[in-house]
PDB file of all heavy atoms in Angstrom:
ATOM      1  N   ASP A   1       0.852  -1.089   0.028  1.00  0.00           N
ATOM      2  CA  ASP A   1      -0.036   0.061  -0.061  1.00  0.00           C
ATOM      3  C   ASP A   1       0.906   1.212   0.006  1.00  0.00           C
ATOM      4  O   ASP A   1       0.626   2.313  -0.656  1.00  0.00           O
ATOM      5  CB  ASP A   1      -0.923   0.075   1.164  1.00  0.00           C
ATOM      6  CG  ASP A   1      -1.931  -0.978   1.110  1.00  0.00           C
ATOM      7  OD1 ASP A   1      -2.212  -1.537   0.080  1.00  0.00           O
ATOM      8  OD2 ASP A   1      -2.591  -1.429   2.238  1.00  0.00           O
ATOM      9  N   MET A   2       2.021   1.107   0.795  1.00  0.00           N
ATOM     10  CA  MET A   2       2.912   2.390   0.819  1.00  0.00           C
ATOM     11  C   MET A   2       3.567   2.437  -0.550  1.00  0.00           C
ATOM     12  O   MET A   2       3.711   3.673  -1.060  1.00  0.00           O
ATOM     13  CB  MET A   2       4.020   2.178   1.815  1.00  0.00           C
ATOM     14  CG  MET A   2       4.996   3.252   2.155  1.00  0.00           C
ATOM     15  SD  MET A   2       5.994   3.011   3.448  1.00  0.00           S
ATOM     16  CE  MET A   2       6.613   1.446   3.381  1.00  0.00           C
ATOM     17  N   CYS A   3       3.769   1.359  -1.230  1.00  0.00           N
ATOM     18  CA  CYS A   3       4.379   1.450  -2.570  1.00  0.00           C
ATOM     19  C   CYS A   3       3.434   2.052  -3.590  1.00  0.00           C
ATOM     20  O   CYS A   3       3.720   2.833  -4.515  1.00  0.00           O
ATOM     21  CB  CYS A   3       4.865   0.263  -3.109  1.00  0.00           C
ATOM     22  SG  CYS A   3       6.415  -0.475  -2.178  1.00  0.00           S
ATOM     23  N   ALA A   4       2.055   1.737  -3.440  1.00  0.00           N
ATOM     24  CA  ALA A   4       1.071   2.234  -4.316  1.00  0.00           C
ATOM     25  C   ALA A   4       0.993   3.856  -4.154  1.00  0.00           C
ATOM     26  O   ALA A   4       0.778   4.615  -5.175  1.00  0.00           O
ATOM     27  CB  ALA A   4      -0.326   1.585  -4.021  1.00  0.00           C
ATOM     28  N   GLU A   5       1.106   4.249  -2.869  1.00  0.00           N
ATOM     29  CA  GLU A   5       1.028   5.701  -2.677  1.00  0.00           C
ATOM     30  C   GLU A   5       2.329   6.360  -3.388  1.00  0.00           C
ATOM     31  O   GLU A   5       2.179   7.507  -3.762  1.00  0.00           O
ATOM     32  CB  GLU A   5       1.113   6.075  -1.176  1.00  0.00           C
ATOM     33  CG  GLU A   5      -0.202   5.685  -0.377  1.00  0.00           C
ATOM     34  CD  GLU A   5      -0.097   5.808   0.980  1.00  0.00           C
ATOM     35  OE1 GLU A   5       0.944   6.287   1.554  1.00  0.00           O
ATOM     36  OE2 GLU A   5      -1.047   5.269   1.731  1.00  0.00           O
ATOM     37  N   THR A   6       3.423   5.616  -3.165  1.00  0.00           N
ATOM     38  CA  THR A   6       4.678   6.214  -3.848  1.00  0.00           C
ATOM     39  C   THR A   6       4.594   6.223  -5.376  1.00  0.00           C
ATOM     40  O   THR A   6       4.951   7.222  -5.985  1.00  0.00           O
ATOM     41  CB  THR A   6       5.933   5.311  -3.403  1.00  0.00           C
ATOM     42  OG1 THR A   6       5.826   5.168  -2.025  1.00  0.00           O
ATOM     43  CG2 THR A   6       7.208   5.848  -4.040  1.00  0.00           C
ATOM     44  N   LEU A   7       3.817   5.436  -5.984  1.00  0.00           N
ATOM     45  CA  LEU A   7       3.616   5.346  -7.414  1.00  0.00           C
ATOM     46  C   LEU A   7       2.592   6.579  -7.694  1.00  0.00           C
ATOM     47  O   LEU A   7       2.949   7.253  -8.771  1.00  0.00           O
ATOM     48  CB  LEU A   7       2.838   4.094  -7.883  1.00  0.00           C
ATOM     49  CG  LEU A   7       3.891   2.911  -8.033  1.00  0.00           C
ATOM     50  CD1 LEU A   7       3.036   1.546  -8.222  1.00  0.00           C
ATOM     51  CD2 LEU A   7       4.745   3.059  -9.119  1.00  0.00           C
ATOM     52  N   GLU A   8       1.775   6.847  -6.977  1.00  0.00           N
ATOM     53  CA  GLU A   8       0.874   8.079  -7.084  1.00  0.00           C
ATOM     54  C   GLU A   8       1.745   9.392  -7.055  1.00  0.00           C
ATOM     55  O   GLU A   8       1.382  10.432  -7.744  1.00  0.00           O
ATOM     56  CB  GLU A   8      -0.137   8.172  -6.023  1.00  0.00           C
ATOM     57  CG  GLU A   8      -1.158   7.002  -6.288  1.00  0.00           C
ATOM     58  CD  GLU A   8      -2.267   7.044  -5.113  1.00  0.00           C
ATOM     59  OE1 GLU A   8      -2.252   7.903  -4.247  1.00  0.00           O
ATOM     60  OE2 GLU A   8      -3.074   6.024  -5.110  1.00  0.00           O
ATOM     61  N   MET A   9       2.833   9.367  -6.364  1.00  0.00           N
ATOM     62  CA  MET A   9       3.636  10.527  -6.326  1.00  0.00           C
ATOM     63  C   MET A   9       4.728  10.573  -7.496  1.00  0.00           C
ATOM     64  O   MET A   9       5.580  11.423  -7.542  1.00  0.00           O
ATOM     65  CB  MET A   9       4.541  10.504  -5.059  1.00  0.00           C
ATOM     66  CG  MET A   9       3.674  10.726  -3.818  1.00  0.00           C
ATOM     67  SD  MET A   9       4.647  10.866  -2.279  1.00  0.00           S
ATOM     68  CE  MET A   9       6.075  10.027  -2.506  1.00  0.00           C
ATOM     69  N   ARG A  10       4.524   9.596  -8.438  1.00  0.00           N
ATOM     70  CA  ARG A  10       5.398   9.487  -9.574  1.00  0.00           C
ATOM     71  C   ARG A  10       6.923   9.144  -9.240  1.00  0.00           C
ATOM     72  O   ARG A  10       7.680   9.438 -10.049  1.00  0.00           O
ATOM     73  CB  ARG A  10       5.153  10.648 -10.465  1.00  0.00           C
ATOM     74  CG  ARG A  10       3.871  10.937 -10.941  1.00  0.00           C
ATOM     75  CD  ARG A  10       3.782  12.180 -11.789  1.00  0.00           C
ATOM     76  NE  ARG A  10       2.710  12.006 -12.812  1.00  0.00           N
ATOM     77  CZ  ARG A  10       2.833  11.739 -14.079  1.00  0.00           C
ATOM     78  NH1 ARG A  10       4.007  11.534 -14.586  1.00  0.00           N
ATOM     79  NH2 ARG A  10       1.685  11.759 -14.777  1.00  0.00           N
ATOM     80  N   ALA A  11       7.092   8.477  -8.197  1.00  0.00           N
ATOM     81  CA  ALA A  11       8.407   8.011  -7.862  1.00  0.00           C
ATOM     82  C   ALA A  11       8.560   6.582  -8.346  1.00  0.00           C
ATOM     83  O   ALA A  11       8.577   5.653  -7.443  1.00  0.00           O
ATOM     84  CB  ALA A  11       8.639   8.221  -6.360  1.00  0.00           C
ATOM     85  N   TYR A  12       8.515   6.422  -9.494  1.00  0.00           N
ATOM     86  CA  TYR A  12       8.323   4.957 -10.159  1.00  0.00           C
ATOM     87  C   TYR A  12       9.564   4.077  -9.855  1.00  0.00           C
ATOM     88  O   TYR A  12       9.340   2.916  -9.511  1.00  0.00           O
ATOM     89  CB  TYR A  12       8.166   5.120 -11.625  1.00  0.00           C
ATOM     90  CG  TYR A  12       6.935   5.870 -12.165  1.00  0.00           C
ATOM     91  CD1 TYR A  12       7.024   7.002 -12.963  1.00  0.00           C
ATOM     92  CD2 TYR A  12       5.737   5.381 -11.653  1.00  0.00           C
ATOM     93  CE1 TYR A  12       5.901   7.694 -13.298  1.00  0.00           C
ATOM     94  CE2 TYR A  12       4.548   6.057 -12.131  1.00  0.00           C
ATOM     95  CZ  TYR A  12       4.687   7.191 -12.830  1.00  0.00           C
ATOM     96  OH  TYR A  12       3.496   7.794 -13.208  1.00  0.00           O
ATOM     97  N   LEU A  13      10.752   4.574  -9.963  1.00  0.00           N
ATOM     98  CA  LEU A  13      11.948   3.664  -9.671  1.00  0.00           C
ATOM     99  C   LEU A  13      12.044   3.244  -8.321  1.00  0.00           C
ATOM    100  O   LEU A  13      12.359   2.106  -7.909  1.00  0.00           O
ATOM    101  CB  LEU A  13      13.213   4.307 -10.183  1.00  0.00           C
ATOM    102  CG  LEU A  13      13.269   4.431 -11.715  1.00  0.00           C
ATOM    103  CD1 LEU A  13      14.646   5.213 -12.050  1.00  0.00           C
ATOM    104  CD2 LEU A  13      13.157   3.177 -12.332  1.00  0.00           C
ATOM    105  N   VAL A  14      11.703   4.025  -7.259  1.00  0.00           N
ATOM    106  CA  VAL A  14      11.676   3.716  -5.964  1.00  0.00           C
ATOM    107  C   VAL A  14      10.603   2.653  -5.593  1.00  0.00           C
ATOM    108  O   VAL A  14      10.830   1.745  -4.892  1.00  0.00           O
ATOM    109  CB  VAL A  14      11.422   4.974  -4.955  1.00  0.00           C
ATOM    110  CG1 VAL A  14      11.254   4.606  -3.549  1.00  0.00           C
ATOM    111  CG2 VAL A  14      12.552   6.056  -5.231  1.00  0.00           C
ATOM    112  N   ALA A  15       9.422   2.926  -6.141  1.00  0.00           N
ATOM    113  CA  ALA A  15       8.281   2.006  -5.876  1.00  0.00           C
ATOM    114  C   ALA A  15       8.661   0.642  -6.694  1.00  0.00           C
ATOM    115  O   ALA A  15       8.344  -0.410  -6.122  1.00  0.00           O
ATOM    116  CB  ALA A  15       7.012   2.593  -6.538  1.00  0.00           C
ATOM    117  N   LEU A  16       9.204   0.684  -7.717  1.00  0.00           N
ATOM    118  CA  LEU A  16       9.646  -0.553  -8.554  1.00  0.00           C
ATOM    119  C   LEU A  16      10.623  -1.390  -7.610  1.00  0.00           C
ATOM    120  O   LEU A  16      10.412  -2.611  -7.463  1.00  0.00           O
ATOM    121  CB  LEU A  16      10.263  -0.154  -9.887  1.00  0.00           C
ATOM    122  CG  LEU A  16      10.749  -1.328 -10.753  1.00  0.00           C
ATOM    123  CD1 LEU A  16       9.367  -2.145 -11.198  1.00  0.00           C
ATOM    124  CD2 LEU A  16      11.412  -0.804 -11.960  1.00  0.00           C
ATOM    125  N   GLU A  17      11.564  -0.713  -7.139  1.00  0.00           N
ATOM    126  CA  GLU A  17      12.652  -1.352  -6.255  1.00  0.00           C
ATOM    127  C   GLU A  17      11.788  -2.028  -5.147  1.00  0.00           C
ATOM    128  O   GLU A  17      12.218  -3.101  -4.703  1.00  0.00           O
ATOM    129  CB  GLU A  17      13.674  -0.315  -5.865  1.00  0.00           C
ATOM    130  CG  GLU A  17      14.791  -0.985  -5.093  1.00  0.00           C
ATOM    131  CD  GLU A  17      15.871  -0.080  -4.546  1.00  0.00           C
ATOM    132  OE1 GLU A  17      15.619   1.234  -4.742  1.00  0.00           O
ATOM    133  OE2 GLU A  17      16.907  -0.503  -4.085  1.00  0.00           O
ATOM    134  N   ALA A  18      11.066  -1.189  -4.450  1.00  0.00           N
ATOM    135  CA  ALA A  18      10.440  -1.761  -3.152  1.00  0.00           C
ATOM    136  C   ALA A  18       9.423  -2.853  -3.474  1.00  0.00           C
ATOM    137  O   ALA A  18       9.526  -3.822  -2.646  1.00  0.00           O
ATOM    138  CB  ALA A  18       9.666  -0.585  -2.482  1.00  0.00           C
ATOM    139  N   THR A  19       8.656  -2.687  -4.494  1.00  0.00           N
ATOM    140  CA  THR A  19       7.677  -3.825  -4.805  1.00  0.00           C
ATOM    141  C   THR A  19       8.466  -5.058  -5.189  1.00  0.00           C
ATOM    142  O   THR A  19       8.042  -6.298  -4.930  1.00  0.00           O
ATOM    143  CB  THR A  19       6.783  -3.447  -5.830  1.00  0.00           C
ATOM    144  OG1 THR A  19       7.542  -2.954  -7.042  1.00  0.00           O
ATOM    145  CG2 THR A  19       5.795  -2.444  -5.364  1.00  0.00           C
ATOM    146  N   THR A  20       9.581  -4.937  -5.946  1.00  0.00           N
ATOM    147  CA  THR A  20      10.411  -6.071  -6.316  1.00  0.00           C
ATOM    148  C   THR A  20      11.069  -6.753  -4.987  1.00  0.00           C
ATOM    149  O   THR A  20      10.900  -8.039  -4.898  1.00  0.00           O
ATOM    150  CB  THR A  20      11.505  -5.696  -7.282  1.00  0.00           C
ATOM    151  OG1 THR A  20      10.919  -5.153  -8.443  1.00  0.00           O
ATOM    152  CG2 THR A  20      12.355  -6.931  -7.640  1.00  0.00           C
ATOM    153  N   TYR A  21      11.490  -6.035  -4.072  1.00  0.00           N
ATOM    154  CA  TYR A  21      11.962  -6.524  -2.785  1.00  0.00           C
ATOM    155  C   TYR A  21      10.917  -7.256  -2.129  1.00  0.00           C
ATOM    156  O   TYR A  21      11.125  -8.378  -1.459  1.00  0.00           O
ATOM    157  CB  TYR A  21      12.432  -5.407  -1.925  1.00  0.00           C
ATOM    158  CG  TYR A  21      13.086  -5.837  -0.732  1.00  0.00           C
ATOM    159  CD1 TYR A  21      14.394  -6.396  -0.481  1.00  0.00           C
ATOM    160  CD2 TYR A  21      12.251  -5.988   0.540  1.00  0.00           C
ATOM    161  CE1 TYR A  21      14.789  -6.912   0.523  1.00  0.00           C
ATOM    162  CE2 TYR A  21      12.760  -6.486   1.692  1.00  0.00           C
ATOM    163  CZ  TYR A  21      14.128  -6.942   1.851  1.00  0.00           C
ATOM    164  OH  TYR A  21      14.624  -7.356   2.963  1.00  0.00           O
ATOM    165  N   ILE A  22       9.631  -6.710  -2.004  1.00  0.00           N
ATOM    166  CA  ILE A  22       8.513  -7.412  -1.464  1.00  0.00           C
ATOM    167  C   ILE A  22       8.196  -8.751  -2.054  1.00  0.00           C
ATOM    168  O   ILE A  22       8.050  -9.751  -1.383  1.00  0.00           O
ATOM    169  CB  ILE A  22       7.239  -6.551  -1.396  1.00  0.00           C
ATOM    170  CG1 ILE A  22       7.506  -5.270  -0.568  1.00  0.00           C
ATOM    171  CG2 ILE A  22       6.075  -7.317  -0.988  1.00  0.00           C
ATOM    172  CD1 ILE A  22       6.485  -4.225  -0.647  1.00  0.00           C
ATOM    173  N   LEU A  23       8.256  -8.780  -3.415  1.00  0.00           N
ATOM    174  CA  LEU A  23       8.109 -10.098  -4.105  1.00  0.00           C
ATOM    175  C   LEU A  23       9.071 -11.095  -3.822  1.00  0.00           C
ATOM    176  O   LEU A  23       8.715 -12.194  -3.489  1.00  0.00           O
ATOM    177  CB  LEU A  23       8.084  -9.891  -5.653  1.00  0.00           C
ATOM    178  CG  LEU A  23       7.898 -11.159  -6.468  1.00  0.00           C
ATOM    179  CD1 LEU A  23       6.591 -11.762  -6.313  1.00  0.00           C
ATOM    180  CD2 LEU A  23       8.192 -10.888  -7.842  1.00  0.00           C
ATOM    181  N   ILE A  24      10.306 -10.658  -3.833  1.00  0.00           N
ATOM    182  CA  ILE A  24      11.394 -11.611  -3.405  1.00  0.00           C
ATOM    183  C   ILE A  24      11.292 -12.158  -2.043  1.00  0.00           C
ATOM    184  O   ILE A  24      11.482 -13.315  -1.731  1.00  0.00           O
ATOM    185  CB  ILE A  24      12.769 -10.947  -3.754  1.00  0.00           C
ATOM    186  CG1 ILE A  24      13.001 -10.736  -5.221  1.00  0.00           C
ATOM    187  CG2 ILE A  24      13.966 -11.832  -3.018  1.00  0.00           C
ATOM    188  CD1 ILE A  24      14.070  -9.927  -5.461  1.00  0.00           C
ATOM    189  N   ALA A  25      10.951 -11.255  -1.078  1.00  0.00           N
ATOM    190  CA  ALA A  25      10.738 -11.723   0.296  1.00  0.00           C
ATOM    191  C   ALA A  25       9.598 -12.633   0.436  1.00  0.00           C
ATOM    192  O   ALA A  25       9.688 -13.601   1.169  1.00  0.00           O
ATOM    193  CB  ALA A  25      10.420 -10.507   1.160  1.00  0.00           C
ATOM    194  N   GLY A  26       8.510 -12.441  -0.381  1.00  0.00           N
ATOM    195  CA  GLY A  26       7.283 -13.282  -0.402  1.00  0.00           C
ATOM    196  C   GLY A  26       7.710 -14.673  -0.912  1.00  0.00           C
ATOM    197  O   GLY A  26       7.310 -15.797  -0.453  1.00  0.00           O
ATOM    198  N   VAL A  27       8.479 -14.726  -2.097  1.00  0.00           N
ATOM    199  CA  VAL A  27       8.883 -16.010  -2.605  1.00  0.00           C
ATOM    200  C   VAL A  27       9.859 -16.800  -1.678  1.00  0.00           C
ATOM    201  O   VAL A  27       9.696 -17.931  -1.462  1.00  0.00           O
ATOM    202  CB  VAL A  27       9.613 -15.795  -3.968  1.00  0.00           C
ATOM    203  CG1 VAL A  27      10.280 -17.094  -4.536  1.00  0.00           C
ATOM    204  CG2 VAL A  27       8.605 -15.260  -5.022  1.00  0.00           C
ATOM    205  N   LYS A  28      10.623 -16.112  -1.014  1.00  0.00           N
ATOM    206  CA  LYS A  28      11.572 -16.815   0.073  1.00  0.00           C
ATOM    207  C   LYS A  28      10.696 -17.281   1.151  1.00  0.00           C
ATOM    208  O   LYS A  28      10.971 -18.390   1.680  1.00  0.00           O
ATOM    209  CB  LYS A  28      12.655 -15.732   0.413  1.00  0.00           C
ATOM    210  CG  LYS A  28      13.763 -15.460  -0.415  1.00  0.00           C
ATOM    211  CD  LYS A  28      14.665 -14.439   0.210  1.00  0.00           C
ATOM    212  CE  LYS A  28      15.826 -14.102  -0.704  1.00  0.00           C
ATOM    213  NZ  LYS A  28      16.744 -13.176  -0.106  1.00  0.00           N
ATOM    214  N   LEU A  29       9.818 -16.538   1.570  1.00  0.00           N
ATOM    215  CA  LEU A  29       8.854 -16.938   2.686  1.00  0.00           C
ATOM    216  C   LEU A  29       8.072 -18.154   2.241  1.00  0.00           C
ATOM    217  O   LEU A  29       7.863 -19.036   3.057  1.00  0.00           O
ATOM    218  CB  LEU A  29       7.836 -15.829   2.980  1.00  0.00           C
ATOM    219  CG  LEU A  29       6.960 -16.038   4.216  1.00  0.00           C
ATOM    220  CD1 LEU A  29       7.916 -16.076   5.465  1.00  0.00           C
ATOM    221  CD2 LEU A  29       6.004 -14.842   4.192  1.00  0.00           C
ATOM    222  N   ALA A  30       7.788 -18.310   1.007  1.00  0.00           N
ATOM    223  CA  ALA A  30       6.959 -19.501   0.470  1.00  0.00           C
ATOM    224  C   ALA A  30       7.732 -20.707   0.618  1.00  0.00           C
ATOM    225  O   ALA A  30       7.145 -21.709   0.833  1.00  0.00           O
ATOM    226  CB  ALA A  30       6.416 -19.226  -0.974  1.00  0.00           C
ATOM    227  N   SER A  31       9.083 -20.566   0.580  1.00  0.00           N
ATOM    228  CA  SER A  31       9.863 -21.827   0.572  1.00  0.00           C
ATOM    229  C   SER A  31       9.973 -22.445   2.035  1.00  0.00           C
ATOM    230  O   SER A  31      10.451 -23.535   2.032  1.00  0.00           O
ATOM    231  CB  SER A  31      11.276 -21.494   0.037  1.00  0.00           C
ATOM    232  OG  SER A  31      11.940 -20.642   1.000  1.00  0.00           O
ATOM    233  N   HIS A  32       9.758 -21.585   3.002  1.00  0.00           N
ATOM    234  CA  HIS A  32       9.936 -22.287   4.320  1.00  0.00           C
ATOM    235  C   HIS A  32       8.781 -21.927   5.397  1.00  0.00           C
ATOM    236  O   HIS A  32       8.957 -22.368   6.438  1.00  0.00           O
ATOM    237  CB  HIS A  32      11.289 -21.824   5.009  1.00  0.00           C
ATOM    238  CG  HIS A  32      11.387 -20.349   5.184  1.00  0.00           C
ATOM    239  ND1 HIS A  32      11.749 -19.448   4.262  1.00  0.00           N
ATOM    240  CD2 HIS A  32      11.165 -19.662   6.314  1.00  0.00           C
ATOM    241  CE1 HIS A  32      11.839 -18.352   4.792  1.00  0.00           C
ATOM    242  NE2 HIS A  32      11.481 -18.286   6.102  1.00  0.00           N
ATOM    243  N   ALA A  33       7.771 -21.290   4.934  1.00  0.00           N
ATOM    244  CA  ALA A  33       6.725 -20.958   5.740  1.00  0.00           C
ATOM    245  C   ALA A  33       5.419 -21.695   5.429  1.00  0.00           C
ATOM    246  O   ALA A  33       5.236 -22.128   4.292  1.00  0.00           O
ATOM    247  CB  ALA A  33       6.353 -19.392   5.857  1.00  0.00           C
TER     248      ALA A  33
END
């Protein structure tokens, strides 16, 4: 949600980096949770 707000501020690269980090953390979590 915070990344979506960042996208509304047109800070695309920051939001892209943060959402990618969230995806990677989620995939890692899926492997052991």
